[in-house]
Amino acid sequence: MRVHVCKRRSPGGSRPQEHRRNEKVSVTLTNELWEKVEQHCAEHKLSRSELIRSLIESSDL
């Protein structure tokens, strides 16, 4: 998997002040992983961004 972080920043909307600056990320996935992401998002009514954010926030990075 490849992750690319763009340097453009956009306002964070309703997120708390310490999380107001957002980074845009480009991720390259296999077709199999993409289908898993799409299926999970559809089943749980999540956006892809919400899914990826929750996975990162729940990890021990």
C-alpha atoms as a PDB file:
ATOM      1  CA  MET A   1       0.000   0.000   0.000  1.00  0.00           C
ATOM      2  CA  ARG A   2       1.249   3.469  -0.873  1.00  0.00           C
ATOM      3  CA  VAL A   3       0.258   6.664   0.966  1.00  0.00           C
ATOM      4  CA  HIS A   4       0.919  10.174  -0.325  1.00  0.00           C
ATOM      5  CA  VAL A   5       0.258  13.240   1.833  1.00  0.00           C
ATOM      6  CA  CYS A   6      -0.456  16.435  -0.102  1.00  0.00           C
ATOM      7  CA  LYS A   7       0.637  19.755   1.344  1.00  0.00           C
ATOM      8  CA  ARG A   8      -2.700  21.519   0.704  1.00  0.00           C
ATOM      9  CA  ARG A   9      -4.557  22.390   3.869  1.00  0.00           C
ATOM     10  CA  SER A  10      -8.248  23.025   4.249  1.00  0.00           C
ATOM     11  CA  PRO A  11     -10.404  24.173   7.162  1.00  0.00           C
ATOM     12  CA  GLY A  12     -11.549  21.352   9.420  1.00  0.00           C
ATOM     13  CA  GLY A  13     -15.205  22.320   9.745  1.00  0.00           C
ATOM     14  CA  SER A  14     -16.735  21.003  12.950  1.00  0.00           C
ATOM     15  CA  ARG A  15     -13.693  19.045  14.164  1.00  0.00           C
ATOM     16  CA  PRO A  16     -12.123  20.229  17.456  1.00  0.00           C
ATOM     17  CA  GLN A  17      -9.618  23.103  17.263  1.00  0.00           C
ATOM     18  CA  GLU A  18      -6.540  20.871  17.643  1.00  0.00           C
ATOM     19  CA  HIS A  19      -7.682  18.903  14.557  1.00  0.00           C
ATOM     20  CA  ARG A  20      -8.715  21.835  12.366  1.00  0.00           C
ATOM     21  CA  ARG A  21      -5.919  21.514   9.787  1.00  0.00           C
ATOM     22  CA  ASN A  22      -6.522  18.626   7.420  1.00  0.00           C
ATOM     23  CA  GLU A  23      -4.129  16.881   5.088  1.00  0.00           C
ATOM     24  CA  LYS A  24      -5.314  15.290   1.855  1.00  0.00           C
ATOM     25  CA  VAL A  25      -4.075  11.748   1.340  1.00  0.00           C
ATOM     26  CA  SER A  26      -3.838   9.608  -1.766  1.00  0.00           C
ATOM     27  CA  VAL A  27      -3.818   5.849  -1.163  1.00  0.00           C
ATOM     28  CA  THR A  28      -3.128   3.105  -3.707  1.00  0.00           C
ATOM     29  CA  LEU A  29      -4.980  -0.141  -2.938  1.00  0.00           C
ATOM     30  CA  THR A  30      -5.444  -3.442  -4.709  1.00  0.00           C
ATOM     31  CA  ASN A  31      -8.865  -3.993  -6.264  1.00  0.00           C
ATOM     32  CA  GLU A  32      -9.615  -6.556  -3.544  1.00  0.00           C
ATOM     33  CA  LEU A  33      -8.916  -4.069  -0.731  1.00  0.00           C
ATOM     34  CA  TRP A  34     -10.858  -1.328  -2.525  1.00  0.00           C
ATOM     35  CA  GLU A  35     -13.911  -3.591  -2.743  1.00  0.00           C
ATOM     36  CA  LYS A  36     -13.633  -4.353   0.995  1.00  0.00           C
ATOM     37  CA  VAL A  37     -13.496  -0.634   1.775  1.00  0.00           C
ATOM     38  CA  GLU A  38     -16.469   0.122  -0.476  1.00  0.00           C
ATOM     39  CA  GLN A  39     -18.523  -2.746   0.959  1.00  0.00           C
ATOM     40  CA  HIS A  40     -17.775  -1.800   4.570  1.00  0.00           C
ATOM     41  CA  CYS A  41     -18.631   1.855   3.927  1.00  0.00           C
ATOM     42  CA  ALA A  42     -21.924   0.932   2.262  1.00  0.00           C
ATOM     43  CA  GLU A  43     -22.916  -1.471   5.051  1.00  0.00           C
ATOM     44  CA  HIS A  44     -22.088   1.008   7.829  1.00  0.00           C
ATOM     45  CA  LYS A  45     -23.118   4.202   5.992  1.00  0.00           C
ATOM     46  CA  LEU A  46     -19.634   5.713   6.299  1.00  0.00           C
ATOM     47  CA  SER A  47     -17.605   7.790   3.915  1.00  0.00           C
ATOM     48  CA  ARG A  48     -14.204   6.429   2.959  1.00  0.00           C
ATOM     49  CA  SER A  49     -12.611   9.288   4.897  1.00  0.00           C
ATOM     50  CA  GLU A  50     -14.594   8.408   8.024  1.00  0.00           C
ATOM     51  CA  LEU A  51     -13.524   4.762   7.763  1.00  0.00           C
ATOM     52  CA  ILE A  52      -9.847   5.568   7.249  1.00  0.00           C
ATOM     53  CA  ARG A  53      -9.887   8.175  10.052  1.00  0.00           C
ATOM     54  CA  SER A  54     -11.478   5.717  12.501  1.00  0.00           C
ATOM     55  CA  LEU A  55      -8.966   2.985  11.596  1.00  0.00           C
ATOM     56  CA  ILE A  56      -6.021   5.323  12.151  1.00  0.00           C
ATOM     57  CA  GLU A  57      -7.458   6.795  15.362  1.00  0.00           C
ATOM     58  CA  SER A  58      -8.026   3.304  16.814  1.00  0.00           C
ATOM     59  CA  SER A  59      -4.500   2.088  15.989  1.00  0.00           C
ATOM     60  CA  ASP A  60      -1.395   2.320  18.142  1.00  0.00           C
ATOM     61  CA  LEU A  61       0.567   4.577  15.766  1.00  0.00           C
END
